C-alpha atoms as a PDB file:
ATOM      1  CA  UNK A   1      10.399  43.843 -21.391  1.00  0.00           C
ATOM      2  CA  UNK A   2      13.476  42.628 -19.521  1.00  0.00           C
ATOM      3  CA  UNK A   3      11.529  42.542 -16.244  1.00  0.00           C
ATOM      4  CA  UNK A   4       8.666  40.595 -17.807  1.00  0.00           C
ATOM      5  CA  UNK A   5      11.123  37.972 -19.056  1.00  0.00           C
ATOM      6  CA  UNK A   6      12.682  37.681 -15.589  1.00  0.00           C
ATOM      7  CA  UNK A   7       9.244  37.391 -13.998  1.00  0.00           C
ATOM      8  CA  UNK A   8       8.170  34.670 -16.447  1.00  0.00           C
ATOM      9  CA  UNK A   9      11.402  32.719 -15.898  1.00  0.00           C
ATOM     10  CA  UNK A  10      10.928  32.972 -12.123  1.00  0.00           C
ATOM     11  CA  UNK A  11       7.357  31.722 -12.357  1.00  0.00           C
ATOM     12  CA  UNK A  12       8.432  28.838 -14.574  1.00  0.00           C
ATOM     13  CA  UNK A  13      11.159  27.874 -12.092  1.00  0.00           C
ATOM     14  CA  UNK A  14       8.772  27.994  -9.110  1.00  0.00           C
ATOM     15  CA  UNK A  15       6.094  25.979 -10.949  1.00  0.00           C
ATOM     16  CA  UNK A  16       8.571  23.273 -11.970  1.00  0.00           C
ATOM     17  CA  UNK A  17       9.997  23.116  -8.456  1.00  0.00           C
ATOM     18  CA  UNK A  18       6.490  22.825  -6.950  1.00  0.00           C
ATOM     19  CA  UNK A  19       5.544  20.077  -9.412  1.00  0.00           C
ATOM     20  CA  UNK A  20       8.654  18.097  -8.462  1.00  0.00           C
ATOM     21  CA  UNK A  21       7.927  18.622  -4.767  1.00  0.00           C
ATOM     22  CA  UNK A  22       4.304  17.485  -5.248  1.00  0.00           C
ATOM     23  CA  UNK A  23       5.558  14.301  -6.924  1.00  0.00           C
ATOM     24  CA  UNK A  24       7.795  13.588  -3.948  1.00  0.00           C
ATOM     25  CA  UNK A  25       4.934  14.235  -1.509  1.00  0.00           C
ATOM     26  CA  UNK A  26       2.590  11.971  -3.495  1.00  0.00           C
ATOM     27  CA  UNK A  27       5.170   9.176  -3.476  1.00  0.00           C
ATOM     28  CA  UNK A  28       5.712   9.612   0.274  1.00  0.00           C
ATOM     29  CA  UNK A  29       1.960   9.295   0.862  1.00  0.00           C
ATOM     30  CA  UNK A  30       1.836   5.968  -0.963  1.00  0.00           C
ATOM     31  CA  UNK A  31       5.082   4.568   0.470  1.00  0.00           C
ATOM     32  CA  UNK A  32       5.419   6.145   3.913  1.00  0.00           C
ATOM     33  CA  UNK A  33       7.501   3.683   5.892  1.00  0.00           C
ATOM     34  CA  UNK A  34      11.009   3.840   4.444  1.00  0.00           C
ATOM     35  CA  UNK A  35      13.107   3.071   1.414  1.00  0.00           C
ATOM     36  CA  UNK A  36      12.110  -0.360   0.216  1.00  0.00           C
ATOM     37  CA  UNK A  37      14.734  -2.932  -0.660  1.00  0.00           C
ATOM     38  CA  UNK A  38      13.876  -4.038  -4.211  1.00  0.00           C
ATOM     39  CA  UNK A  39      15.443  -7.325  -5.254  1.00  0.00           C
ATOM     40  CA  UNK A  40      15.298 -10.017  -7.897  1.00  0.00           C
ATOM     41  CA  UNK A  41      14.512 -13.505  -6.699  1.00  0.00           C
ATOM     42  CA  UNK A  42      15.068 -16.687  -8.673  1.00  0.00           C
ATOM     43  CA  UNK A  43      11.651 -18.387  -8.937  1.00  0.00           C
ATOM     44  CA  UNK A  44      13.404 -21.763  -8.627  1.00  0.00           C
ATOM     45  CA  UNK A  45      14.408 -20.774  -5.082  1.00  0.00           C
ATOM     46  CA  UNK A  46      10.840 -19.936  -4.053  1.00  0.00           C
ATOM     47  CA  UNK A  47       9.516 -22.852  -2.001  1.00  0.00           C
ATOM     48  CA  UNK A  48       6.438 -21.215  -0.491  1.00  0.00           C
ATOM     49  CA  UNK A  49       4.025 -18.534  -1.630  1.00  0.00           C
ATOM     50  CA  UNK A  50       0.678 -17.130  -0.612  1.00  0.00           C
ATOM     51  CA  UNK A  51      -1.959 -14.870  -2.091  1.00  0.00           C
ATOM     52  CA  UNK A  52      -3.635 -12.850   0.640  1.00  0.00           C
ATOM     53  CA  UNK A  53      -7.008 -11.088   0.662  1.00  0.00           C
ATOM     54  CA  UNK A  54      -7.185  -8.028   2.941  1.00  0.00           C
ATOM     55  CA  UNK A  55     -10.561  -6.296   3.417  1.00  0.00           C
ATOM     56  CA  UNK A  56     -10.342  -2.513   3.761  1.00  0.00           C
ATOM     57  CA  UNK A  57     -12.783   0.387   3.870  1.00  0.00           C
ATOM     58  CA  UNK A  58     -12.099   3.679   2.084  1.00  0.00           C
ATOM     59  CA  UNK A  59     -15.320   4.934   3.639  1.00  0.00           C
ATOM     60  CA  UNK A  60     -18.140   3.632   5.838  1.00  0.00           C
ATOM     61  CA  UNK A  61     -21.807   4.441   5.882  1.00  0.00           C
ATOM     62  CA  UNK A  62     -23.410   6.751   8.404  1.00  0.00           C
ATOM     63  CA  UNK A  63     -27.012   6.859   9.665  1.00  0.00           C
ATOM     64  CA  UNK A  64     -29.326   5.681   6.854  1.00  0.00           C
ATOM     65  CA  UNK A  65     -26.539   4.928   4.365  1.00  0.00           C
ATOM     66  CA  UNK A  66     -26.795   8.150   2.412  1.00  0.00           C
ATOM     67  CA  UNK A  67     -23.788   9.767   4.102  1.00  0.00           C
ATOM     68  CA  UNK A  68     -20.295   8.363   4.296  1.00  0.00           C
ATOM     69  CA  UNK A  69     -17.252   8.902   6.467  1.00  0.00           C
ATOM     70  CA  UNK A  70     -14.007   8.945   4.438  1.00  0.00           C
ATOM     71  CA  UNK A  71     -11.184   6.909   5.956  1.00  0.00           C
ATOM     72  CA  UNK A  72      -7.384   6.748   5.667  1.00  0.00           C
ATOM     73  CA  UNK A  73      -6.176   3.168   5.172  1.00  0.00           C
ATOM     74  CA  UNK A  74      -2.773   1.945   6.328  1.00  0.00           C
ATOM     75  CA  UNK A  75      -1.809  -1.540   5.140  1.00  0.00           C
ATOM     76  CA  UNK A  76       0.880  -3.062   7.342  1.00  0.00           C
ATOM     77  CA  UNK A  77       2.920  -6.055   6.153  1.00  0.00           C
ATOM     78  CA  UNK A  78       5.107  -7.558   8.878  1.00  0.00           C
ATOM     79  CA  UNK A  79       7.704 -10.289   8.704  1.00  0.00           C
ATOM     80  CA  UNK A  80       7.345 -12.082  12.045  1.00  0.00           C
ATOM     81  CA  UNK A  81      10.309 -14.396  11.485  1.00  0.00           C
ATOM     82  CA  UNK A  82      13.411 -13.965  13.641  1.00  0.00           C
ATOM     83  CA  UNK A  83      15.633 -15.511  10.958  1.00  0.00           C
ATOM     84  CA  UNK A  84      14.063 -15.657   7.494  1.00  0.00           C
ATOM     85  CA  UNK A  85      13.344 -13.014   4.868  1.00  0.00           C
ATOM     86  CA  UNK A  86      10.137 -12.742   2.852  1.00  0.00           C
ATOM     87  CA  UNK A  87       9.462 -11.290  -0.578  1.00  0.00           C
ATOM     88  CA  UNK A  88       6.453  -9.135  -1.453  1.00  0.00           C
ATOM     89  CA  UNK A  89       5.774  -9.746  -5.121  1.00  0.00           C
ATOM     90  CA  UNK A  90       2.610  -7.704  -5.649  1.00  0.00           C
ATOM     91  CA  UNK A  91       0.223  -5.478  -3.708  1.00  0.00           C
ATOM     92  CA  UNK A  92      -2.893  -4.257  -5.511  1.00  0.00           C
ATOM     93  CA  UNK A  93      -5.860  -2.184  -4.342  1.00  0.00           C
ATOM     94  CA  UNK A  94      -9.370  -3.030  -5.619  1.00  0.00           C
ATOM     95  CA  UNK A  95     -12.729  -1.286  -5.302  1.00  0.00           C
ATOM     96  CA  UNK A  96     -16.004  -2.812  -4.064  1.00  0.00           C
ATOM     97  CA  UNK A  97     -16.720  -4.169  -7.556  1.00  0.00           C
ATOM     98  CA  UNK A  98     -13.384  -5.963  -7.963  1.00  0.00           C
ATOM     99  CA  UNK A  99     -11.888  -3.342 -10.291  1.00  0.00           C
ATOM    100  CA  UNK A 100      -8.198  -2.695  -9.715  1.00  0.00           C
ATOM    101  CA  UNK A 101      -7.543   0.891  -8.644  1.00  0.00           C
ATOM    102  CA  UNK A 102      -3.794   0.858  -8.022  1.00  0.00           C
ATOM    103  CA  UNK A 103      -0.782  -1.462  -7.964  1.00  0.00           C
ATOM    104  CA  UNK A 104       1.676  -0.553  -5.245  1.00  0.00           C
ATOM    105  CA  UNK A 105       4.571  -2.902  -6.078  1.00  0.00           C
ATOM    106  CA  UNK A 106       6.411  -2.783  -9.417  1.00  0.00           C
ATOM    107  CA  UNK A 107       9.174  -5.200  -8.437  1.00  0.00           C
ATOM    108  CA  UNK A 108       9.839  -7.616  -5.597  1.00  0.00           C
ATOM    109  CA  UNK A 109      10.411  -6.089  -2.152  1.00  0.00           C
ATOM    110  CA  UNK A 110      12.656  -7.889   0.341  1.00  0.00           C
ATOM    111  CA  UNK A 111      11.361  -7.831   3.907  1.00  0.00           C
ATOM    112  CA  UNK A 112      14.108  -8.817   6.317  1.00  0.00           C
ATOM    113  CA  UNK A 113      13.419 -10.634   9.601  1.00  0.00           C
ATOM    114  CA  UNK A 114      11.189  -8.521  11.899  1.00  0.00           C
ATOM    115  CA  UNK A 115      10.912  -5.756   9.277  1.00  0.00           C
ATOM    116  CA  UNK A 116       7.597  -4.074   8.459  1.00  0.00           C
ATOM    117  CA  UNK A 117       6.437  -2.049   5.480  1.00  0.00           C
ATOM    118  CA  UNK A 118       3.301   0.018   4.954  1.00  0.00           C
ATOM    119  CA  UNK A 119       1.165   1.317   2.130  1.00  0.00           C
ATOM    120  CA  UNK A 120      -1.362   4.126   2.523  1.00  0.00           C
ATOM    121  CA  UNK A 121      -4.618   4.954   0.781  1.00  0.00           C
ATOM    122  CA  UNK A 122      -5.406   8.583   1.485  1.00  0.00           C
ATOM    123  CA  UNK A 123      -8.668   9.680   3.044  1.00  0.00           C
ATOM    124  CA  UNK A 124      -9.527  11.728  -0.035  1.00  0.00           C
ATOM    125  CA  UNK A 125      -9.565   8.579  -2.218  1.00  0.00           C
ATOM    126  CA  UNK A 126     -13.283   7.880  -2.643  1.00  0.00           C
ATOM    127  CA  UNK A 127     -13.389   5.122  -5.270  1.00  0.00           C
ATOM    128  CA  UNK A 128     -12.719   2.037  -3.139  1.00  0.00           C
ATOM    129  CA  UNK A 129     -15.868   2.055  -1.055  1.00  0.00           C
ATOM    130  CA  UNK A 130     -16.958  -0.082   1.858  1.00  0.00           C
ATOM    131  CA  UNK A 131     -16.058  -3.301   0.017  1.00  0.00           C
ATOM    132  CA  UNK A 132     -12.539  -2.339  -1.070  1.00  0.00           C
ATOM    133  CA  UNK A 133      -9.682  -4.807  -0.652  1.00  0.00           C
ATOM    134  CA  UNK A 134      -6.027  -5.518  -1.261  1.00  0.00           C
ATOM    135  CA  UNK A 135      -4.599  -8.630  -2.871  1.00  0.00           C
ATOM    136  CA  UNK A 136      -1.035  -9.243  -1.711  1.00  0.00           C
ATOM    137  CA  UNK A 137       1.298 -11.931  -3.048  1.00  0.00           C
ATOM    138  CA  UNK A 138       4.361 -12.903  -1.071  1.00  0.00           C
ATOM    139  CA  UNK A 139       6.943 -15.683  -1.202  1.00  0.00           C
ATOM    140  CA  UNK A 140       9.746 -17.288   0.802  1.00  0.00           C
ATOM    141  CA  UNK A 141      12.646 -19.606   0.046  1.00  0.00           C
ATOM    142  CA  UNK A 142      11.305 -22.208   2.496  1.00  0.00           C
ATOM    143  CA  UNK A 143       7.981 -23.050   4.077  1.00  0.00           C
ATOM    144  CA  UNK A 144       7.208 -20.467   6.717  1.00  0.00           C
ATOM    145  CA  UNK A 145       4.067 -18.956   8.159  1.00  0.00           C
ATOM    146  CA  UNK A 146       5.819 -15.662   8.821  1.00  0.00           C
ATOM    147  CA  UNK A 147       3.791 -12.806   7.354  1.00  0.00           C
ATOM    148  CA  UNK A 148       1.251 -10.811   9.331  1.00  0.00           C
ATOM    149  CA  UNK A 149      -0.890  -8.448   7.250  1.00  0.00           C
ATOM    150  CA  UNK A 150      -3.364  -6.014   8.758  1.00  0.00           C
ATOM    151  CA  UNK A 151      -5.142  -2.839   7.759  1.00  0.00           C
ATOM    152  CA  UNK A 152      -5.833   0.035  10.116  1.00  0.00           C
ATOM    153  CA  UNK A 153      -8.510   2.497   9.069  1.00  0.00           C
ATOM    154  CA  UNK A 154      -8.659   5.932  10.711  1.00  0.00           C
ATOM    155  CA  UNK A 155     -10.929   8.942  10.500  1.00  0.00           C
ATOM    156  CA  UNK A 156      -9.177  11.434  12.774  1.00  0.00           C
ATOM    157  CA  UNK A 157     -11.784  14.156  12.290  1.00  0.00           C
ATOM    158  CA  UNK A 158     -14.603  12.000  13.683  1.00  0.00           C
ATOM    159  CA  UNK A 159     -12.303  10.182  16.113  1.00  0.00           C
ATOM    160  CA  UNK A 160     -12.636   6.533  15.195  1.00  0.00           C
ATOM    161  CA  UNK A 161     -10.355   3.762  14.011  1.00  0.00           C
ATOM    162  CA  UNK A 162     -10.567   0.024  13.456  1.00  0.00           C
ATOM    163  CA  UNK A 163      -8.522  -2.853  12.083  1.00  0.00           C
ATOM    164  CA  UNK A 164      -9.051  -5.757   9.700  1.00  0.00           C
ATOM    165  CA  UNK A 165      -7.067  -8.948   9.308  1.00  0.00           C
ATOM    166  CA  UNK A 166      -6.103 -10.800   6.154  1.00  0.00           C
ATOM    167  CA  UNK A 167      -7.151 -14.187   4.834  1.00  0.00           C
ATOM    168  CA  UNK A 168      -5.082 -16.626   2.761  1.00  0.00           C
ATOM    169  CA  UNK A 169      -6.912 -17.327  -0.505  1.00  0.00           C
ATOM    170  CA  UNK A 170      -4.160 -19.310  -2.255  1.00  0.00           C
ATOM    171  CA  UNK A 171      -1.141 -21.202  -0.951  1.00  0.00           C
ATOM    172  CA  UNK A 172       1.592 -22.997  -2.889  1.00  0.00           C
ATOM    173  CA  UNK A 173       4.296 -25.255  -1.459  1.00  0.00           C
ATOM    174  CA  UNK A 174       7.051 -26.481  -3.798  1.00  0.00           C
ATOM    175  CA  UNK A 175       9.452 -29.312  -3.119  1.00  0.00           C
END
């Protein structure tokens, strides 16, 4: 009986450790670039903001449209300014029908001059579809056209990759 208790305790320990490790791996997959710098920003200091639409593809059609290639999506957000910071306020992933699948930002992320951050949608995610997209909201303390947002889609097994660029769908300038 003593050995059964030890065995059960060992299994419980290993299972809990694996679950914790899986949580860390899952978080790393979503936020691969580095530790993000979360900050609070006074909305009165925000002088410029944009809402960005970024088309992405979680899969693409093959042949007659009945087969699909799954794709890994990397969303890259780059601050191209040499001197000014930017603030990512929200990043949300939508499917082809406009249904939100995941929010990637819970609080504002500071992006320092020339810094880049990434978000990843794994290849095994099959809900987004060929019309998936991201909506990204960012802000700055002065007018600046400093953010470059792109998506790179890769299917390493079949050996192809491609990129999409973002489009501003809303812009606000405050005095």
